[in-house]
Full PDB file with SEQRES, HELIX, SHEET, SSBOND, CRYST1, ORIGX, SCALE, CONECT and MASTER records, all heavy atoms in Angstrom:
SEQRES   1 A   46  ILE ALA SER LEU VAL PHE LEU MET ALA GLN SER LEU PRO          
SEQRES   2 A   46  VAL PHE SER LEU PRO THR SER ALA ILE GLN GLY GLY SER          
SEQRES   3 A   46  ARG GLY CYS ILE LYS TYR VAL THR THR ASN THR THR SER          
SEQRES   4 A   46  GLY THR VAL ILE ASN VAL LYS                                  
SHEET    1 AA1 2 THR A  19  ILE A  22  0                                        
SHEET    2 AA1 2 LYS A  31  THR A  34 -1                                        
CRYST1    1.000    1.000    1.000  90.00  90.00  90.00 P 1           1          
ORIGX1      1.000000  0.000000  0.000000        0.00000                         
ORIGX2      0.000000  1.000000  0.000000        0.00000                         
ORIGX3      0.000000  0.000000  1.000000        0.00000                         
SCALE1      1.000000  0.000000  0.000000        0.00000                         
SCALE2      0.000000  1.000000  0.000000        0.00000                         
SCALE3      0.000000  0.000000  1.000000        0.00000                         
ATOM      1  N   ILE A   1      26.743  28.966  77.626  1.00  0.00           N  
ATOM      2  CA  ILE A   1      26.522  29.506  76.285  1.00  0.00           C  
ATOM      3  C   ILE A   1      25.298  28.816  75.713  1.00  0.00           C  
ATOM      4  O   ILE A   1      25.263  27.595  75.595  1.00  0.00           O  
ATOM      5  CB  ILE A   1      27.742  29.276  75.385  1.00  0.00           C  
ATOM      6  CG1 ILE A   1      28.958  29.996  75.973  1.00  0.00           C  
ATOM      7  CG2 ILE A   1      27.458  29.753  73.973  1.00  0.00           C  
ATOM      8  CD1 ILE A   1      30.232  29.684  75.246  1.00  0.00           C  
ATOM      9  N   ALA A   2      24.333  29.625  75.412  1.00  0.00           N  
ATOM     10  CA  ALA A   2      23.106  29.075  74.839  1.00  0.00           C  
ATOM     11  C   ALA A   2      23.212  29.126  73.324  1.00  0.00           C  
ATOM     12  O   ALA A   2      23.573  30.141  72.755  1.00  0.00           O  
ATOM     13  CB  ALA A   2      21.906  29.878  75.310  1.00  0.00           C  
ATOM     14  N   SER A   3      22.955  28.045  72.721  1.00  0.00           N  
ATOM     15  CA  SER A   3      22.957  28.030  71.259  1.00  0.00           C  
ATOM     16  C   SER A   3      21.552  27.725  70.771  1.00  0.00           C  
ATOM     17  O   SER A   3      20.853  26.893  71.347  1.00  0.00           O  
ATOM     18  CB  SER A   3      23.950  27.005  70.722  1.00  0.00           C  
ATOM     19  OG  SER A   3      23.576  25.719  71.127  1.00  0.00           O  
ATOM     20  N   LEU A   4      21.160  28.422  69.789  1.00  0.00           N  
ATOM     21  CA  LEU A   4      19.835  28.212  69.224  1.00  0.00           C  
ATOM     22  C   LEU A   4      19.970  27.474  67.906  1.00  0.00           C  
ATOM     23  O   LEU A   4      20.800  27.812  67.072  1.00  0.00           O  
ATOM     24  CB  LEU A   4      19.132  29.548  68.991  1.00  0.00           C  
ATOM     25  CG  LEU A   4      18.870  30.387  70.233  1.00  0.00           C  
ATOM     26  CD1 LEU A   4      18.285  31.722  69.826  1.00  0.00           C  
ATOM     27  CD2 LEU A   4      17.931  29.652  71.154  1.00  0.00           C  
ATOM     28  N   VAL A   5      19.171  26.491  67.769  1.00  0.00           N  
ATOM     29  CA  VAL A   5      19.168  25.738  66.527  1.00  0.00           C  
ATOM     30  C   VAL A   5      17.795  25.904  65.902  1.00  0.00           C  
ATOM     31  O   VAL A   5      16.784  25.639  66.530  1.00  0.00           O  
ATOM     32  CB  VAL A   5      19.455  24.241  66.780  1.00  0.00           C  
ATOM     33  CG1 VAL A   5      19.382  23.451  65.483  1.00  0.00           C  
ATOM     34  CG2 VAL A   5      20.802  24.074  67.441  1.00  0.00           C  
ATOM     35  N   PHE A   6      17.803  26.367  64.711  1.00  0.00           N  
ATOM     36  CA  PHE A   6      16.541  26.534  64.003  1.00  0.00           C  
ATOM     37  C   PHE A   6      16.382  25.384  63.016  1.00  0.00           C  
ATOM     38  O   PHE A   6      17.241  25.157  62.173  1.00  0.00           O  
ATOM     39  CB  PHE A   6      16.511  27.864  63.245  1.00  0.00           C  
ATOM     40  CG  PHE A   6      16.521  29.043  64.148  1.00  0.00           C  
ATOM     41  CD1 PHE A   6      17.704  29.696  64.444  1.00  0.00           C  
ATOM     42  CD2 PHE A   6      15.347  29.500  64.719  1.00  0.00           C  
ATOM     43  CE1 PHE A   6      17.725  30.791  65.286  1.00  0.00           C  
ATOM     44  CE2 PHE A   6      15.356  30.593  65.568  1.00  0.00           C  
ATOM     45  CZ  PHE A   6      16.539  31.242  65.851  1.00  0.00           C  
ATOM     46  N   LEU A   7      15.325  24.688  63.171  1.00  0.00           N  
ATOM     47  CA  LEU A   7      15.033  23.579  62.270  1.00  0.00           C  
ATOM     48  C   LEU A   7      13.884  23.978  61.367  1.00  0.00           C  
ATOM     49  O   LEU A   7      12.851  24.422  61.839  1.00  0.00           O  
ATOM     50  CB  LEU A   7      14.652  22.323  63.051  1.00  0.00           C  
ATOM     51  CG  LEU A   7      15.714  21.773  63.988  1.00  0.00           C  
ATOM     52  CD1 LEU A   7      15.150  20.610  64.789  1.00  0.00           C  
ATOM     53  CD2 LEU A   7      16.922  21.329  63.195  1.00  0.00           C  
ATOM     54  N   MET A   8      14.114  23.840  60.118  1.00  0.00           N  
ATOM     55  CA  MET A   8      13.040  24.115  59.185  1.00  0.00           C  
ATOM     56  C   MET A   8      12.407  22.785  58.822  1.00  0.00           C  
ATOM     57  O   MET A   8      13.037  21.920  58.230  1.00  0.00           O  
ATOM     58  CB  MET A   8      13.570  24.815  57.946  1.00  0.00           C  
ATOM     59  CG  MET A   8      14.105  26.193  58.245  1.00  0.00           C  
ATOM     60  SD  MET A   8      14.580  27.069  56.763  1.00  0.00           S  
ATOM     61  CE  MET A   8      13.008  27.237  55.975  1.00  0.00           C  
ATOM     62  N   ALA A   9      11.188  22.647  59.217  1.00  0.00           N  
ATOM     63  CA  ALA A   9      10.482  21.401  58.937  1.00  0.00           C  
ATOM     64  C   ALA A   9      10.061  21.383  57.470  1.00  0.00           C  
ATOM     65  O   ALA A   9       9.442  22.311  56.987  1.00  0.00           O  
ATOM     66  CB  ALA A   9       9.265  21.272  59.838  1.00  0.00           C  
ATOM     67  N   GLN A  10      10.473  20.348  56.809  1.00  0.00           N  
ATOM     68  CA  GLN A  10      10.051  20.170  55.429  1.00  0.00           C  
ATOM     69  C   GLN A  10       8.906  19.168  55.433  1.00  0.00           C  
ATOM     70  O   GLN A  10       9.058  18.050  55.894  1.00  0.00           O  
ATOM     71  CB  GLN A  10      11.183  19.619  54.579  1.00  0.00           C  
ATOM     72  CG  GLN A  10      12.307  20.591  54.359  1.00  0.00           C  
ATOM     73  CD  GLN A  10      13.368  19.978  53.465  1.00  0.00           C  
ATOM     74  OE1 GLN A  10      13.453  18.767  53.313  1.00  0.00           O  
ATOM     75  NE2 GLN A  10      14.165  20.834  52.872  1.00  0.00           N  
ATOM     76  N   SER A  11       7.789  19.594  54.945  1.00  0.00           N  
ATOM     77  CA  SER A  11       6.679  18.654  54.914  1.00  0.00           C  
ATOM     78  C   SER A  11       6.779  17.813  53.649  1.00  0.00           C  
ATOM     79  O   SER A  11       7.003  18.332  52.553  1.00  0.00           O  
ATOM     80  CB  SER A  11       5.342  19.376  54.995  1.00  0.00           C  
ATOM     81  OG  SER A  11       5.244  20.314  53.957  1.00  0.00           O  
ATOM     82  N   LEU A  12       6.677  16.526  53.827  1.00  0.00           N  
ATOM     83  CA  LEU A  12       6.741  15.587  52.715  1.00  0.00           C  
ATOM     84  C   LEU A  12       5.340  15.380  52.149  1.00  0.00           C  
ATOM     85  O   LEU A  12       4.358  15.479  52.880  1.00  0.00           O  
ATOM     86  CB  LEU A  12       7.288  14.240  53.195  1.00  0.00           C  
ATOM     87  CG  LEU A  12       8.723  14.213  53.678  1.00  0.00           C  
ATOM     88  CD1 LEU A  12       9.039  12.858  54.296  1.00  0.00           C  
ATOM     89  CD2 LEU A  12       9.667  14.498  52.534  1.00  0.00           C  
ATOM     90  N   PRO A  13       5.235  15.077  50.865  1.00  0.00           N  
ATOM     91  CA  PRO A  13       3.922  14.733  50.317  1.00  0.00           C  
ATOM     92  C   PRO A  13       3.368  13.500  51.037  1.00  0.00           C  
ATOM     93  O   PRO A  13       4.123  12.693  51.583  1.00  0.00           O  
ATOM     94  CB  PRO A  13       4.218  14.396  48.857  1.00  0.00           C  
ATOM     95  CG  PRO A  13       5.568  14.926  48.574  1.00  0.00           C  
ATOM     96  CD  PRO A  13       6.295  14.997  49.878  1.00  0.00           C  
ATOM     97  N   VAL A  14       2.070  13.380  51.045  1.00  0.00           N  
ATOM     98  CA  VAL A  14       1.419  12.239  51.674  1.00  0.00           C  
ATOM     99  C   VAL A  14       0.680  11.459  50.596  1.00  0.00           C  
ATOM    100  O   VAL A  14      -0.090  12.030  49.826  1.00  0.00           O  
ATOM    101  CB  VAL A  14       0.422  12.687  52.769  1.00  0.00           C  
ATOM    102  CG1 VAL A  14      -0.330  11.500  53.341  1.00  0.00           C  
ATOM    103  CG2 VAL A  14       1.148  13.446  53.863  1.00  0.00           C  
ATOM    104  N   PHE A  15       0.960  10.153  50.531  1.00  0.00           N  
ATOM    105  CA  PHE A  15       0.253   9.268  49.615  1.00  0.00           C  
ATOM    106  C   PHE A  15      -0.787   8.484  50.381  1.00  0.00           C  
ATOM    107  O   PHE A  15      -0.553   8.065  51.512  1.00  0.00           O  
ATOM    108  CB  PHE A  15       1.214   8.265  48.956  1.00  0.00           C  
ATOM    109  CG  PHE A  15       2.252   8.898  48.084  1.00  0.00           C  
ATOM    110  CD1 PHE A  15       3.593   8.682  48.331  1.00  0.00           C  
ATOM    111  CD2 PHE A  15       1.896   9.692  47.019  1.00  0.00           C  
ATOM    112  CE1 PHE A  15       4.564   9.244  47.532  1.00  0.00           C  
ATOM    113  CE2 PHE A  15       2.868  10.272  46.208  1.00  0.00           C  
ATOM    114  CZ  PHE A  15       4.204  10.043  46.470  1.00  0.00           C  
ATOM    115  N   SER A  16      -1.908   8.249  49.756  1.00  0.00           N  
ATOM    116  CA  SER A  16      -2.921   7.359  50.312  1.00  0.00           C  
ATOM    117  C   SER A  16      -2.770   6.026  49.577  1.00  0.00           C  
ATOM    118  O   SER A  16      -2.868   5.982  48.349  1.00  0.00           O  
ATOM    119  CB  SER A  16      -4.313   7.949  50.082  1.00  0.00           C  
ATOM    120  OG  SER A  16      -5.287   7.153  50.693  1.00  0.00           O  
ATOM    121  N   LEU A  17      -2.487   4.954  50.313  1.00  0.00           N  
ATOM    122  CA  LEU A  17      -2.234   3.652  49.693  1.00  0.00           C  
ATOM    123  C   LEU A  17      -3.521   2.835  49.612  1.00  0.00           C  
ATOM    124  O   LEU A  17      -4.339   2.848  50.540  1.00  0.00           O  
ATOM    125  CB  LEU A  17      -1.192   2.881  50.491  1.00  0.00           C  
ATOM    126  CG  LEU A  17       0.180   3.542  50.633  1.00  0.00           C  
ATOM    127  CD1 LEU A  17       1.109   2.645  51.443  1.00  0.00           C  
ATOM    128  CD2 LEU A  17       0.789   3.867  49.288  1.00  0.00           C  
ATOM    129  N   PRO A  18      -3.711   2.088  48.510  1.00  0.00           N  
ATOM    130  CA  PRO A  18      -4.895   1.241  48.393  1.00  0.00           C  
ATOM    131  C   PRO A  18      -4.879   0.144  49.458  1.00  0.00           C  
ATOM    132  O   PRO A  18      -3.835  -0.457  49.732  1.00  0.00           O  
ATOM    133  CB  PRO A  18      -4.801   0.666  46.985  1.00  0.00           C  
ATOM    134  CG  PRO A  18      -3.386   0.827  46.579  1.00  0.00           C  
ATOM    135  CD  PRO A  18      -2.832   1.976  47.357  1.00  0.00           C  
ATOM    136  N   THR A  19      -6.034  -0.096  50.041  1.00  0.00           N  
ATOM    137  CA  THR A  19      -6.151  -1.031  51.162  1.00  0.00           C  
ATOM    138  C   THR A  19      -7.435  -1.831  51.020  1.00  0.00           C  
ATOM    139  O   THR A  19      -8.462  -1.281  50.630  1.00  0.00           O  
ATOM    140  CB  THR A  19      -6.158  -0.243  52.489  1.00  0.00           C  
ATOM    141  OG1 THR A  19      -4.999   0.585  52.530  1.00  0.00           O  
ATOM    142  CG2 THR A  19      -6.169  -1.170  53.688  1.00  0.00           C  
ATOM    143  N   SER A  20      -7.368  -3.118  51.355  1.00  0.00           N  
ATOM    144  CA  SER A  20      -8.536  -3.996  51.287  1.00  0.00           C  
ATOM    145  C   SER A  20      -8.691  -4.771  52.577  1.00  0.00           C  
ATOM    146  O   SER A  20      -7.698  -5.142  53.212  1.00  0.00           O  
ATOM    147  CB  SER A  20      -8.384  -5.012  50.149  1.00  0.00           C  
ATOM    148  OG  SER A  20      -8.235  -4.363  48.918  1.00  0.00           O  
ATOM    149  N   ALA A  21      -9.932  -5.064  52.939  1.00  0.00           N  
ATOM    150  CA  ALA A  21     -10.208  -5.952  54.071  1.00  0.00           C  
ATOM    151  C   ALA A  21      -9.979  -7.383  53.601  1.00  0.00           C  
ATOM    152  O   ALA A  21     -10.281  -7.729  52.457  1.00  0.00           O  
ATOM    153  CB  ALA A  21     -11.633  -5.779  54.556  1.00  0.00           C  
ATOM    154  N   ILE A  22      -9.406  -8.213  54.479  1.00  0.00           N  
ATOM    155  CA  ILE A  22      -9.146  -9.614  54.137  1.00  0.00           C  
ATOM    156  C   ILE A  22      -9.657 -10.518  55.248  1.00  0.00           C  
ATOM    157  O   ILE A  22      -9.977 -10.055  56.338  1.00  0.00           O  
ATOM    158  CB  ILE A  22      -7.641  -9.870  53.886  1.00  0.00           C  
ATOM    159  CG1 ILE A  22      -6.802  -9.499  55.112  1.00  0.00           C  
ATOM    160  CG2 ILE A  22      -7.158  -9.097  52.665  1.00  0.00           C  
ATOM    161  CD1 ILE A  22      -5.323  -9.854  54.980  1.00  0.00           C  
ATOM    162  N   GLN A  23      -9.710 -11.809  54.972  1.00  0.00           N  
ATOM    163  CA  GLN A  23     -10.143 -12.797  55.960  1.00  0.00           C  
ATOM    164  C   GLN A  23      -9.168 -12.848  57.122  1.00  0.00           C  
ATOM    165  O   GLN A  23      -7.962 -12.702  56.934  1.00  0.00           O  
ATOM    166  CB  GLN A  23     -10.199 -14.197  55.318  1.00  0.00           C  
ATOM    167  CG  GLN A  23     -11.266 -14.353  54.281  1.00  0.00           C  
ATOM    168  CD  GLN A  23     -12.584 -14.770  54.896  1.00  0.00           C  
ATOM    169  OE1 GLN A  23     -12.618 -15.446  55.899  1.00  0.00           O  
ATOM    170  NE2 GLN A  23     -13.665 -14.349  54.281  1.00  0.00           N  
ATOM    171  N   GLY A  24      -9.687 -13.071  58.308  1.00  0.00           N  
ATOM    172  CA  GLY A  24      -8.821 -13.228  59.471  1.00  0.00           C  
ATOM    173  C   GLY A  24      -8.998 -12.094  60.447  1.00  0.00           C  
ATOM    174  O   GLY A  24      -9.912 -11.286  60.334  1.00  0.00           O  
ATOM    175  N   GLY A  25      -8.112 -12.024  61.403  1.00  0.00           N  
ATOM    176  CA  GLY A  25      -8.194 -10.996  62.432  1.00  0.00           C  
ATOM    177  C   GLY A  25      -8.787 -11.556  63.708  1.00  0.00           C  
ATOM    178  O   GLY A  25      -9.505 -12.557  63.702  1.00  0.00           O  
ATOM    179  N   SER A  26      -8.487 -10.914  64.785  1.00  0.00           N  
ATOM    180  CA  SER A  26      -8.993 -11.336  66.091  1.00  0.00           C  
ATOM    181  C   SER A  26     -10.469 -10.978  66.225  1.00  0.00           C  
ATOM    182  O   SER A  26     -11.002 -10.173  65.465  1.00  0.00           O  
ATOM    183  CB  SER A  26      -8.203 -10.635  67.203  1.00  0.00           C  
ATOM    184  OG  SER A  26      -6.827 -10.861  67.047  1.00  0.00           O  
ATOM    185  N   ARG A  27     -11.107 -11.531  67.238  1.00  0.00           N  
ATOM    186  CA  ARG A  27     -12.525 -11.238  67.492  1.00  0.00           C  
ATOM    187  C   ARG A  27     -12.702  -9.737  67.728  1.00  0.00           C  
ATOM    188  O   ARG A  27     -11.953  -9.125  68.478  1.00  0.00           O  
ATOM    189  CB  ARG A  27     -12.978 -12.027  68.714  1.00  0.00           C  
ATOM    190  CG  ARG A  27     -14.432 -11.859  69.008  1.00  0.00           C  
ATOM    191  CD  ARG A  27     -14.797 -12.651  70.239  1.00  0.00           C  
ATOM    192  NE  ARG A  27     -16.156 -12.358  70.622  1.00  0.00           N  
ATOM    193  CZ  ARG A  27     -17.096 -13.258  70.744  1.00  0.00           C  
ATOM    194  NH1 ARG A  27     -16.797 -14.530  70.564  1.00  0.00           N  
ATOM    195  NH2 ARG A  27     -18.310 -12.908  71.069  1.00  0.00           N  
ATOM    196  N   GLY A  28     -13.677  -9.147  67.059  1.00  0.00           N  
ATOM    197  CA  GLY A  28     -13.920  -7.718  67.187  1.00  0.00           C  
ATOM    198  C   GLY A  28     -12.987  -6.864  66.353  1.00  0.00           C  
ATOM    199  O   GLY A  28     -12.978  -5.638  66.471  1.00  0.00           O  
ATOM    200  N   CYS A  29     -12.182  -7.506  65.511  1.00  0.00           N  
ATOM    201  CA  CYS A  29     -11.199  -6.783  64.699  1.00  0.00           C  
ATOM    202  C   CYS A  29     -11.401  -7.122  63.221  1.00  0.00           C  
ATOM    203  O   CYS A  29     -11.924  -8.165  62.878  1.00  0.00           O  
ATOM    204  CB  CYS A  29      -9.782  -7.181  65.086  1.00  0.00           C  
ATOM    205  SG  CYS A  29      -9.390  -6.883  66.811  1.00  0.00           S  
ATOM    206  N   ILE A  30     -10.968  -6.235  62.371  1.00  0.00           N  
ATOM    207  CA  ILE A  30     -10.967  -6.476  60.927  1.00  0.00           C  
ATOM    208  C   ILE A  30      -9.522  -6.394  60.458  1.00  0.00           C  
ATOM    209  O   ILE A  30      -8.794  -5.474  60.821  1.00  0.00           O  
ATOM    210  CB  ILE A  30     -11.848  -5.460  60.182  1.00  0.00           C  
ATOM    211  CG1 ILE A  30     -13.298  -5.564  60.676  1.00  0.00           C  
ATOM    212  CG2 ILE A  30     -11.768  -5.675  58.672  1.00  0.00           C  
ATOM    213  CD1 ILE A  30     -14.221  -4.518  60.090  1.00  0.00           C  
ATOM    214  N   LYS A  31      -9.132  -7.361  59.650  1.00  0.00           N  
ATOM    215  CA  LYS A  31      -7.765  -7.420  59.132  1.00  0.00           C  
ATOM    216  C   LYS A  31      -7.735  -6.771  57.752  1.00  0.00           C  
ATOM    217  O   LYS A  31      -8.644  -6.957  56.941  1.00  0.00           O  
ATOM    218  CB  LYS A  31      -7.314  -8.876  59.051  1.00  0.00           C  
ATOM    219  CG  LYS A  31      -5.840  -9.058  58.828  1.00  0.00           C  
ATOM    220  CD  LYS A  31      -5.496 -10.538  58.970  1.00  0.00           C  
ATOM    221  CE  LYS A  31      -4.012 -10.768  58.939  1.00  0.00           C  
ATOM    222  NZ  LYS A  31      -3.697 -12.188  59.121  1.00  0.00           N  
ATOM    223  N   TYR A  32      -6.682  -6.010  57.481  1.00  0.00           N  
ATOM    224  CA  TYR A  32      -6.524  -5.298  56.222  1.00  0.00           C  
ATOM    225  C   TYR A  32      -5.151  -5.584  55.620  1.00  0.00           C  
ATOM    226  O   TYR A  32      -4.213  -5.925  56.334  1.00  0.00           O  
ATOM    227  CB  TYR A  32      -6.629  -3.781  56.438  1.00  0.00           C  
ATOM    228  CG  TYR A  32      -7.976  -3.325  56.933  1.00  0.00           C  
ATOM    229  CD1 TYR A  32      -8.252  -3.251  58.295  1.00  0.00           C  
ATOM    230  CD2 TYR A  32      -8.976  -2.953  56.033  1.00  0.00           C  
ATOM    231  CE1 TYR A  32      -9.482  -2.828  58.751  1.00  0.00           C  
ATOM    232  CE2 TYR A  32     -10.216  -2.520  56.485  1.00  0.00           C  
ATOM    233  CZ  TYR A  32     -10.459  -2.453  57.843  1.00  0.00           C  
ATOM    234  OH  TYR A  32     -11.684  -2.039  58.290  1.00  0.00           O  
ATOM    235  N   VAL A  33      -5.055  -5.384  54.309  1.00  0.00           N  
ATOM    236  CA  VAL A  33      -3.768  -5.434  53.613  1.00  0.00           C  
ATOM    237  C   VAL A  33      -3.663  -4.166  52.767  1.00  0.00           C  
ATOM    238  O   VAL A  33      -4.618  -3.762  52.112  1.00  0.00           O  
ATOM    239  CB  VAL A  33      -3.606  -6.715  52.751  1.00  0.00           C  
ATOM    240  CG1 VAL A  33      -4.632  -6.789  51.642  1.00  0.00           C  
ATOM    241  CG2 VAL A  33      -2.201  -6.819  52.193  1.00  0.00           C  
ATOM    242  N   THR A  34      -2.502  -3.521  52.830  1.00  0.00           N  
ATOM    243  CA  THR A  34      -2.247  -2.328  52.028  1.00  0.00           C  
ATOM    244  C   THR A  34      -1.056  -2.603  51.124  1.00  0.00           C  
ATOM    245  O   THR A  34      -0.176  -3.390  51.479  1.00  0.00           O  
ATOM    246  CB  THR A  34      -2.003  -1.088  52.927  1.00  0.00           C  
ATOM    247  OG1 THR A  34      -1.975   0.076  52.103  1.00  0.00           O  
ATOM    248  CG2 THR A  34      -0.722  -1.188  53.718  1.00  0.00           C  
ATOM    249  N   THR A  35      -1.040  -1.977  49.960  1.00  0.00           N  
ATOM    250  CA  THR A  35       0.000  -2.215  48.968  1.00  0.00           C  
ATOM    251  C   THR A  35       0.611  -0.887  48.520  1.00  0.00           C  
ATOM    252  O   THR A  35      -0.112   0.069  48.256  1.00  0.00           O  
ATOM    253  CB  THR A  35      -0.595  -2.925  47.724  1.00  0.00           C  
ATOM    254  OG1 THR A  35      -1.271  -4.103  48.152  1.00  0.00           O  
ATOM    255  CG2 THR A  35       0.487  -3.284  46.720  1.00  0.00           C  
ATOM    256  N   ASN A  36       1.929  -0.864  48.427  1.00  0.00           N  
ATOM    257  CA  ASN A  36       2.604   0.298  47.882  1.00  0.00           C  
ATOM    258  C   ASN A  36       2.554   0.200  46.360  1.00  0.00           C  
ATOM    259  O   ASN A  36       3.297  -0.561  45.750  1.00  0.00           O  
ATOM    260  CB  ASN A  36       4.056   0.374  48.357  1.00  0.00           C  
ATOM    261  CG  ASN A  36       4.802   1.538  47.736  1.00  0.00           C  
ATOM    262  OD1 ASN A  36       4.220   2.376  47.058  1.00  0.00           O  
ATOM    263  ND2 ASN A  36       6.100   1.577  47.955  1.00  0.00           N  
ATOM    264  N   THR A  37       1.674   0.962  45.750  1.00  0.00           N  
ATOM    265  CA  THR A  37       1.518   0.940  44.293  1.00  0.00           C  
ATOM    266  C   THR A  37       2.316   2.045  43.609  1.00  0.00           C  
ATOM    267  O   THR A  37       2.194   2.234  42.403  1.00  0.00           O  
ATOM    268  CB  THR A  37       0.032   1.080  43.913  1.00  0.00           C  
ATOM    269  OG1 THR A  37      -0.479   2.275  44.495  1.00  0.00           O  
ATOM    270  CG2 THR A  37      -0.761  -0.131  44.374  1.00  0.00           C  
ATOM    271  N   THR A  38       3.147   2.764  44.379  1.00  0.00           N  
ATOM    272  CA  THR A  38       3.981   3.802  43.779  1.00  0.00           C  
ATOM    273  C   THR A  38       5.213   3.169  43.147  1.00  0.00           C  
ATOM    274  O   THR A  38       5.495   1.984  43.354  1.00  0.00           O  
ATOM    275  CB  THR A  38       4.415   4.853  44.825  1.00  0.00           C  
ATOM    276  OG1 THR A  38       5.360   4.266  45.716  1.00  0.00           O  
ATOM    277  CG2 THR A  38       3.224   5.393  45.609  1.00  0.00           C  
ATOM    278  N   SER A  39       5.982   3.969  42.431  1.00  0.00           N  
ATOM    279  CA  SER A  39       7.184   3.456  41.765  1.00  0.00           C  
ATOM    280  C   SER A  39       8.418   3.492  42.663  1.00  0.00           C  
ATOM    281  O   SER A  39       9.492   3.057  42.264  1.00  0.00           O  
ATOM    282  CB  SER A  39       7.465   4.257  40.492  1.00  0.00           C  
ATOM    283  OG  SER A  39       7.661   5.620  40.823  1.00  0.00           O  
ATOM    284  N   GLY A  40       8.275   3.996  43.892  1.00  0.00           N  
ATOM    285  CA  GLY A  40       9.413   4.078  44.808  1.00  0.00           C  
ATOM    286  C   GLY A  40       9.037   3.643  46.212  1.00  0.00           C  
ATOM    287  O   GLY A  40       7.876   3.381  46.519  1.00  0.00           O  
ATOM    288  N   THR A  41      10.023   3.587  47.077  1.00  0.00           N  
ATOM    289  CA  THR A  41       9.804   3.210  48.478  1.00  0.00           C  
ATOM    290  C   THR A  41       9.058   4.322  49.205  1.00  0.00           C  
ATOM    291  O   THR A  41       9.309   5.504  48.976  1.00  0.00           O  
ATOM    292  CB  THR A  41      11.163   2.959  49.165  1.00  0.00           C  
ATOM    293  OG1 THR A  41      11.809   1.876  48.486  1.00  0.00           O  
ATOM    294  CG2 THR A  41      10.998   2.604  50.638  1.00  0.00           C  
ATOM    295  N   VAL A  42       8.114   3.936  50.058  1.00  0.00           N  
ATOM    296  CA  VAL A  42       7.419   4.892  50.917  1.00  0.00           C  
ATOM    297  C   VAL A  42       7.807   4.616  52.360  1.00  0.00           C  
ATOM    298  O   VAL A  42       8.178   3.495  52.720  1.00  0.00           O  
ATOM    299  CB  VAL A  42       5.885   4.848  50.741  1.00  0.00           C  
ATOM    300  CG1 VAL A  42       5.481   5.307  49.357  1.00  0.00           C  
ATOM    301  CG2 VAL A  42       5.331   3.467  51.038  1.00  0.00           C  
ATOM    302  N   ILE A  43       7.743   5.658  53.195  1.00  0.00           N  
ATOM    303  CA  ILE A  43       8.119   5.547  54.610  1.00  0.00           C  
ATOM    304  C   ILE A  43       6.977   6.040  55.486  1.00  0.00           C  
ATOM    305  O   ILE A  43       6.015   6.628  54.994  1.00  0.00           O  
ATOM    306  CB  ILE A  43       9.410   6.347  54.900  1.00  0.00           C  
ATOM    307  CG1 ILE A  43       9.226   7.824  54.543  1.00  0.00           C  
ATOM    308  CG2 ILE A  43      10.598   5.755  54.150  1.00  0.00           C  
ATOM    309  CD1 ILE A  43      10.389   8.728  54.959  1.00  0.00           C  
ATOM    310  N   ASN A  44       7.106   5.788  56.788  1.00  0.00           N  
ATOM    311  CA  ASN A  44       6.114   6.250  57.777  1.00  0.00           C  
ATOM    312  C   ASN A  44       4.706   5.793  57.426  1.00  0.00           C  
ATOM    313  O   ASN A  44       3.778   6.595  57.359  1.00  0.00           O  
ATOM    314  CB  ASN A  44       6.139   7.778  57.914  1.00  0.00           C  
ATOM    315  CG  ASN A  44       7.510   8.307  58.248  1.00  0.00           C  
ATOM    316  OD1 ASN A  44       8.274   7.669  58.968  1.00  0.00           O  
ATOM    317  ND2 ASN A  44       7.853   9.462  57.711  1.00  0.00           N  
ATOM    318  N   VAL A  45       4.553   4.510  57.200  1.00  0.00           N  
ATOM    319  CA  VAL A  45       3.257   3.960  56.806  1.00  0.00           C  
ATOM    320  C   VAL A  45       2.382   3.844  58.052  1.00  0.00           C  
ATOM    321  O   VAL A  45       2.744   3.185  59.028  1.00  0.00           O  
ATOM    322  CB  VAL A  45       3.425   2.582  56.131  1.00  0.00           C  
ATOM    323  CG1 VAL A  45       2.087   2.034  55.670  1.00  0.00           C  
ATOM    324  CG2 VAL A  45       4.415   2.668  54.975  1.00  0.00           C  
ATOM    325  N   LYS A  46       1.229   4.501  58.016  1.00  0.00           N  
ATOM    326  CA  LYS A  46       0.317   4.449  59.160  1.00  0.00           C  
ATOM    327  C   LYS A  46      -1.121   4.430  58.667  1.00  0.00           C  
ATOM    328  O   LYS A  46      -1.432   4.911  57.582  1.00  0.00           O  
ATOM    329  CB  LYS A  46       0.548   5.618  60.103  1.00  0.00           C  
ATOM    330  CG  LYS A  46       0.286   6.962  59.503  1.00  0.00           C  
ATOM    331  CD  LYS A  46       0.598   8.069  60.481  1.00  0.00           C  
ATOM    332  CE  LYS A  46       0.445   9.419  59.810  1.00  0.00           C  
ATOM    333  NZ  LYS A  46       0.755  10.508  60.688  1.00  0.00           N  
TER     334      LYS A  46                                                      
MASTER        0    0    0    0    2    0    0    6  333    1    0    4          
END                                                                             
């Protein structure tokens, strides 16, 4: 018995978080820090 499941993908809003370069990091790399400046928790930070 084949069952079909239809998933409706809900696209979530995307926030751009403020980010700054900071001291440190490996050779050939730049280190950054990002801050969640929203009023709630954010997920899938990339």
